PDB file of N, CA and C in Angstrom:
ATOM      1  N   MET A   1      80.447-136.216 108.716  1.00  0.00           N
ATOM      2  CA  MET A   1      79.562-135.458 107.847  1.00  0.00           C
ATOM      3  C   MET A   1      78.187-136.114 107.837  1.00  0.00           C
ATOM      4  N   ASP A   2      77.162-135.311 108.052  1.00  0.00           N
ATOM      5  CA  ASP A   2      75.795-135.821 108.037  1.00  0.00           C
ATOM      6  C   ASP A   2      75.327-136.031 106.616  1.00  0.00           C
ATOM      7  N   GLU A   3      74.591-137.105 106.421  1.00  0.00           N
ATOM      8  CA  GLU A   3      74.034-137.377 105.097  1.00  0.00           C
ATOM      9  C   GLU A   3      72.721-136.617 104.951  1.00  0.00           C
ATOM     10  N   ALA A   4      72.544-135.942 103.827  1.00  0.00           N
ATOM     11  CA  ALA A   4      71.328-135.171 103.581  1.00  0.00           C
ATOM     12  C   ALA A   4      70.202-136.090 103.119  1.00  0.00           C
ATOM     13  N   PHE A   5      68.994-135.730 103.488  1.00  0.00           N
ATOM     14  CA  PHE A   5      67.826-136.425 102.984  1.00  0.00           C
ATOM     15  C   PHE A   5      66.686-135.429 102.858  1.00  0.00           C
ATOM     16  N   VAL A   6      65.738-135.766 102.010  1.00  0.00           N
ATOM     17  CA  VAL A   6      64.532-134.962 101.850  1.00  0.00           C
ATOM     18  C   VAL A   6      63.321-135.853 102.078  1.00  0.00           C
ATOM     19  N   ARG A   7      62.247-135.228 102.507  1.00  0.00           N
ATOM     20  CA  ARG A   7      61.013-135.966 102.772  1.00  0.00           C
ATOM     21  C   ARG A   7      60.032-135.741 101.628  1.00  0.00           C
ATOM     22  N   LEU A   8      59.393-136.828 101.227  1.00  0.00           N
ATOM     23  CA  LEU A   8      58.396-136.770 100.161  1.00  0.00           C
ATOM     24  C   LEU A   8      57.061-137.274 100.681  1.00  0.00           C
ATOM     25  N   SER A   9      56.011-136.817 100.056  1.00  0.00           N
ATOM     26  CA  SER A   9      54.665-137.234 100.434  1.00  0.00           C
ATOM     27  C   SER A   9      53.792-137.225  99.186  1.00  0.00           C
ATOM     28  N   CYS A  10      53.053-138.311  98.985  1.00  0.00           N
ATOM     29  CA  CYS A  10      52.159-138.384  97.832  1.00  0.00           C
ATOM     30  C   CYS A  10      50.879-137.612  98.133  1.00  0.00           C
ATOM     31  N   PRO A  11      50.519-136.662  97.275  1.00  0.00           N
ATOM     32  CA  PRO A  11      49.290-135.896  97.502  1.00  0.00           C
ATOM     33  C   PRO A  11      48.024-136.733  97.314  1.00  0.00           C
ATOM     34  N   GLU A  12      48.135-137.885  96.679  1.00  0.00           N
ATOM     35  CA  GLU A  12      46.964-138.738  96.418  1.00  0.00           C
ATOM     36  C   GLU A  12      46.732-139.755  97.534  1.00  0.00           C
ATOM     37  N   CYS A  13      47.733-140.619  97.781  1.00  0.00           N
ATOM     38  CA  CYS A  13      47.536-141.711  98.748  1.00  0.00           C
ATOM     39  C   CYS A  13      48.094-141.409 100.129  1.00  0.00           C
ATOM     40  N   GLY A  14      48.892-140.343 100.254  1.00  0.00           N
ATOM     41  CA  GLY A  14      49.428-139.955 101.555  1.00  0.00           C
ATOM     42  C   GLY A  14      50.686-140.694 101.980  1.00  0.00           C
ATOM     43  N   LYS A  15      51.252-141.530 101.105  1.00  0.00           N
ATOM     44  CA  LYS A  15      52.499-142.234 101.453  1.00  0.00           C
ATOM     45  C   LYS A  15      53.580-141.213 101.760  1.00  0.00           C
ATOM     46  N   ASN A  16      54.319-141.444 102.844  1.00  0.00           N
ATOM     47  CA  ASN A  16      55.442-140.599 103.225  1.00  0.00           C
ATOM     48  C   ASN A  16      56.711-141.423 103.184  1.00  0.00           C
ATOM     49  N   TRP A  17      57.787-140.837 102.647  1.00  0.00           N
ATOM     50  CA  TRP A  17      59.066-141.508 102.637  1.00  0.00           C
ATOM     51  C   TRP A  17      60.167-140.472 102.543  1.00  0.00           C
ATOM     52  N   GLN A  18      61.398-140.908 102.719  1.00  0.00           N
ATOM     53  CA  GLN A  18      62.536-140.006 102.581  1.00  0.00           C
ATOM     54  C   GLN A  18      63.572-140.645 101.682  1.00  0.00           C
ATOM     55  N   THR A  19      64.365-139.787 101.053  1.00  0.00           N
ATOM     56  CA  THR A  19      65.393-140.248 100.134  1.00  0.00           C
ATOM     57  C   THR A  19      66.506-139.206 100.056  1.00  0.00           C
ATOM     58  N   SER A  20      67.565-139.579  99.431  1.00  0.00           N
ATOM     59  CA  SER A  20      68.673-138.654  99.200  1.00  0.00           C
ATOM     60  C   SER A  20      68.241-137.610  98.165  1.00  0.00           C
ATOM     61  N   PRO A  21      68.655-136.365  98.318  1.00  0.00           N
ATOM     62  CA  PRO A  21      68.304-135.343  97.323  1.00  0.00           C
ATOM     63  C   PRO A  21      68.812-135.679  95.921  1.00  0.00           C
ATOM     64  N   THR A  22      69.886-136.440  95.845  1.00  0.00           N
ATOM     65  CA  THR A  22      70.417-136.806  94.535  1.00  0.00           C
ATOM     66  C   THR A  22      69.573-137.870  93.846  1.00  0.00           C
ATOM     67  N   ASP A  23      68.676-138.530  94.591  1.00  0.00           N
ATOM     68  CA  ASP A  23      67.797-139.541  94.007  1.00  0.00           C
ATOM     69  C   ASP A  23      66.481-138.964  93.478  1.00  0.00           C
ATOM     70  N   VAL A  24      66.234-137.687  93.746  1.00  0.00           N
ATOM     71  CA  VAL A  24      65.011-137.039  93.273  1.00  0.00           C
ATOM     72  C   VAL A  24      65.269-136.524  91.861  1.00  0.00           C
ATOM     73  N   PRO A  25      64.364-136.830  90.919  1.00  0.00           N
ATOM     74  CA  PRO A  25      64.567-136.309  89.557  1.00  0.00           C
ATOM     75  C   PRO A  25      64.444-134.782  89.529  1.00  0.00           C
ATOM     76  N   GLU A  26      64.840-134.189  88.434  1.00  0.00           N
ATOM     77  CA  GLU A  26      64.732-132.739  88.269  1.00  0.00           C
ATOM     78  C   GLU A  26      63.330-132.310  88.686  1.00  0.00           C
ATOM     79  N   VAL A  27      63.233-131.233  89.474  1.00  0.00           N
ATOM     80  CA  VAL A  27      61.971-130.871  90.119  1.00  0.00           C
ATOM     81  C   VAL A  27      60.827-130.583  89.145  1.00  0.00           C
ATOM     82  N   ARG A  28      61.138-130.244  87.904  1.00  0.00           N
ATOM     83  CA  ARG A  28      60.081-129.966  86.919  1.00  0.00           C
ATOM     84  C   ARG A  28      59.714-131.197  86.093  1.00  0.00           C
ATOM     85  N   SER A  29      60.454-132.278  86.270  1.00  0.00           N
ATOM     86  CA  SER A  29      60.160-133.489  85.499  1.00  0.00           C
ATOM     87  C   SER A  29      59.085-134.321  86.201  1.00  0.00           C
ATOM     88  N   ASN A  30      58.509-135.260  85.476  1.00  0.00           N
ATOM     89  CA  ASN A  30      57.476-136.115  86.045  1.00  0.00           C
ATOM     90  C   ASN A  30      58.076-137.142  86.988  1.00  0.00           C
ATOM     91  N   PHE A  31      57.312-137.447  88.021  1.00  0.00           N
ATOM     92  CA  PHE A  31      57.711-138.402  89.047  1.00  0.00           C
ATOM     93  C   PHE A  31      56.454-139.170  89.441  1.00  0.00           C
ATOM     94  N   SER A  32      56.601-140.443  89.744  1.00  0.00           N
ATOM     95  CA  SER A  32      55.444-141.275  90.108  1.00  0.00           C
ATOM     96  C   SER A  32      55.586-141.821  91.521  1.00  0.00           C
ATOM     97  N   CYS A  33      54.487-141.840  92.244  1.00  0.00           N
ATOM     98  CA  CYS A  33      54.448-142.428  93.585  1.00  0.00           C
ATOM     99  C   CYS A  33      54.718-143.929  93.473  1.00  0.00           C
ATOM    100  N   PRO A  34      55.591-144.466  94.319  1.00  0.00           N
ATOM    101  CA  PRO A  34      55.873-145.896  94.252  1.00  0.00           C
ATOM    102  C   PRO A  34      54.708-146.775  94.704  1.00  0.00           C
ATOM    103  N   ASP A  35      53.729-146.206  95.411  1.00  0.00           N
ATOM    104  CA  ASP A  35      52.588-146.998  95.868  1.00  0.00           C
ATOM    105  C   ASP A  35      51.393-146.919  94.915  1.00  0.00           C
ATOM    106  N   CYS A  36      50.888-145.702  94.686  1.00  0.00           N
ATOM    107  CA  CYS A  36      49.657-145.568  93.895  1.00  0.00           C
ATOM    108  C   CYS A  36      49.927-145.187  92.442  1.00  0.00           C
ATOM    109  N   HIS A  37      51.171-144.862  92.116  1.00  0.00           N
ATOM    110  CA  HIS A  37      51.613-144.539  90.756  1.00  0.00           C
ATOM    111  C   HIS A  37      51.052-143.230  90.209  1.00  0.00           C
ATOM    112  N   LEU A  38      50.577-142.353  91.101  1.00  0.00           N
ATOM    113  CA  LEU A  38      50.178-141.008  90.689  1.00  0.00           C
ATOM    114  C   LEU A  38      51.400-140.322  90.080  1.00  0.00           C
ATOM    115  N   THR A  39      51.234-139.671  88.946  1.00  0.00           N
ATOM    116  CA  THR A  39      52.349-138.982  88.289  1.00  0.00           C
ATOM    117  C   THR A  39      52.078-137.487  88.268  1.00  0.00           C
ATOM    118  N   ARG A  40      53.032-136.754  88.821  1.00  0.00           N
ATOM    119  CA  ARG A  40      53.009-135.288  88.838  1.00  0.00           C
ATOM    120  C   ARG A  40      54.443-134.805  88.807  1.00  0.00           C
ATOM    121  N   ARG A  41      54.633-133.503  88.791  1.00  0.00           N
ATOM    122  CA  ARG A  41      55.986-132.956  88.861  1.00  0.00           C
ATOM    123  C   ARG A  41      56.619-133.366  90.191  1.00  0.00           C
ATOM    124  N   ALA A  42      57.907-133.634  90.144  1.00  0.00           N
ATOM    125  CA  ALA A  42      58.627-134.074  91.346  1.00  0.00           C
ATOM    126  C   ALA A  42      58.480-133.070  92.488  1.00  0.00           C
ATOM    127  N   ALA A  43      58.462-131.792  92.173  1.00  0.00           N
ATOM    128  CA  ALA A  43      58.347-130.761  93.206  1.00  0.00           C
ATOM    129  C   ALA A  43      57.073-130.905  94.028  1.00  0.00           C
ATOM    130  N   GLU A  44      56.017-131.443  93.440  1.00  0.00           N
ATOM    131  CA  GLU A  44      54.753-131.586  94.156  1.00  0.00           C
ATOM    132  C   GLU A  44      54.797-132.683  95.214  1.00  0.00           C
ATOM    133  N   PHE A  45      55.795-133.547  95.164  1.00  0.00           N
ATOM    134  CA  PHE A  45      55.924-134.613  96.154  1.00  0.00           C
ATOM    135  C   PHE A  45      56.779-134.193  97.351  1.00  0.00           C
ATOM    136  N   LEU A  46      57.556-133.136  97.208  1.00  0.00           N
ATOM    137  CA  LEU A  46      58.406-132.693  98.311  1.00  0.00           C
ATOM    138  C   LEU A  46      57.536-132.066  99.394  1.00  0.00           C
ATOM    139  N   ARG A  47      57.759-132.486 100.633  1.00  0.00           N
ATOM    140  CA  ARG A  47      56.858-132.103 101.718  1.00  0.00           C
ATOM    141  C   ARG A  47      56.929-130.638 102.108  1.00  0.00           C
ATOM    142  N   THR A  48      58.122-130.077 102.115  1.00  0.00           N
ATOM    143  CA  THR A  48      58.268-128.698 102.581  1.00  0.00           C
ATOM    144  C   THR A  48      59.081-127.878 101.590  1.00  0.00           C
ATOM    145  N   GLU A  49      59.030-126.588 101.768  1.00  0.00           N
ATOM    146  CA  GLU A  49      59.833-125.674 100.954  1.00  0.00           C
ATOM    147  C   GLU A  49      61.316-125.945 101.186  1.00  0.00           C
ATOM    148  N   ARG A  50      61.669-126.284 102.405  1.00  0.00           N
ATOM    149  CA  ARG A  50      63.073-126.601 102.719  1.00  0.00           C
ATOM    150  C   ARG A  50      63.537-127.835 101.937  1.00  0.00           C
ATOM    151  N   ASP A  51      62.672-128.859 101.840  1.00  0.00           N
ATOM    152  CA  ASP A  51      63.018-130.039 101.040  1.00  0.00           C
ATOM    153  C   ASP A  51      63.240-129.654  99.584  1.00  0.00           C
ATOM    154  N   LEU A  52      62.392-128.803  99.056  1.00  0.00           N
ATOM    155  CA  LEU A  52      62.524-128.338  97.672  1.00  0.00           C
ATOM    156  C   LEU A  52      63.838-127.589  97.481  1.00  0.00           C
ATOM    157  N   GLU A  53      64.170-126.700  98.399  1.00  0.00           N
ATOM    158  CA  GLU A  53      65.410-125.937  98.294  1.00  0.00           C
ATOM    159  C   GLU A  53      66.634-126.850  98.384  1.00  0.00           C
ATOM    160  N   THR A  54      66.575-127.869  99.228  1.00  0.00           N
ATOM    161  CA  THR A  54      67.682-128.812  99.346  1.00  0.00           C
ATOM    162  C   THR A  54      67.900-129.546  98.029  1.00  0.00           C
ATOM    163  N   VAL A  55      66.832-130.013  97.421  1.00  0.00           N
ATOM    164  CA  VAL A  55      66.946-130.720  96.143  1.00  0.00           C
ATOM    165  C   VAL A  55      67.509-129.789  95.076  1.00  0.00           C
ATOM    166  N   LYS A  56      67.029-128.574  95.031  1.00  0.00           N
ATOM    167  CA  LYS A  56      67.516-127.603  94.037  1.00  0.00           C
ATOM    168  C   LYS A  56      69.019-127.348  94.204  1.00  0.00           C
ATOM    169  N   GLN A  57      69.503-127.300  95.441  1.00  0.00           N
ATOM    170  CA  GLN A  57      70.933-127.083  95.673  1.00  0.00           C
ATOM    171  C   GLN A  57      71.760-128.227  95.089  1.00  0.00           C
ATOM    172  N   PHE A  58      71.297-129.447  95.236  1.00  0.00           N
ATOM    173  CA  PHE A  58      72.016-130.591  94.711  1.00  0.00           C
ATOM    174  C   PHE A  58      71.930-130.656  93.186  1.00  0.00           C
ATOM    175  N   GLN A  59      70.866-130.131  92.604  1.00  0.00           N
ATOM    176  CA  GLN A  59      70.697-130.173  91.162  1.00  0.00           C
ATOM    177  C   GLN A  59      71.469-129.064  90.461  1.00  0.00           C
ATOM    178  N   GLU A  60      71.897-128.053  91.171  1.00  0.00           N
ATOM    179  CA  GLU A  60      72.661-126.955  90.564  1.00  0.00           C
ATOM    180  C   GLU A  60      74.096-127.354  90.281  1.00  0.00           C
ATOM    181  N   THR A  61      74.592-128.348  90.972  1.00  0.00           N
ATOM    182  CA  THR A  61      76.003-128.736  90.799  1.00  0.00           C
ATOM    183  C   THR A  61      76.205-129.607  89.594  1.00  0.00           C
TER     184      THR A  61
END
């Protein structure tokens, strides 16, 4: 079984990283960049619509 991951990107500093969808907070909650500490909704850090949909699938369970 393949392990799922999502890609994140900070809109401020441009840091890119990936993590498990279960490690992303609820998409409407606040989330902070680990580098520059910019705080916005978690959904704004997800790189693509597919990443957002993947996280939402894991949060529905």
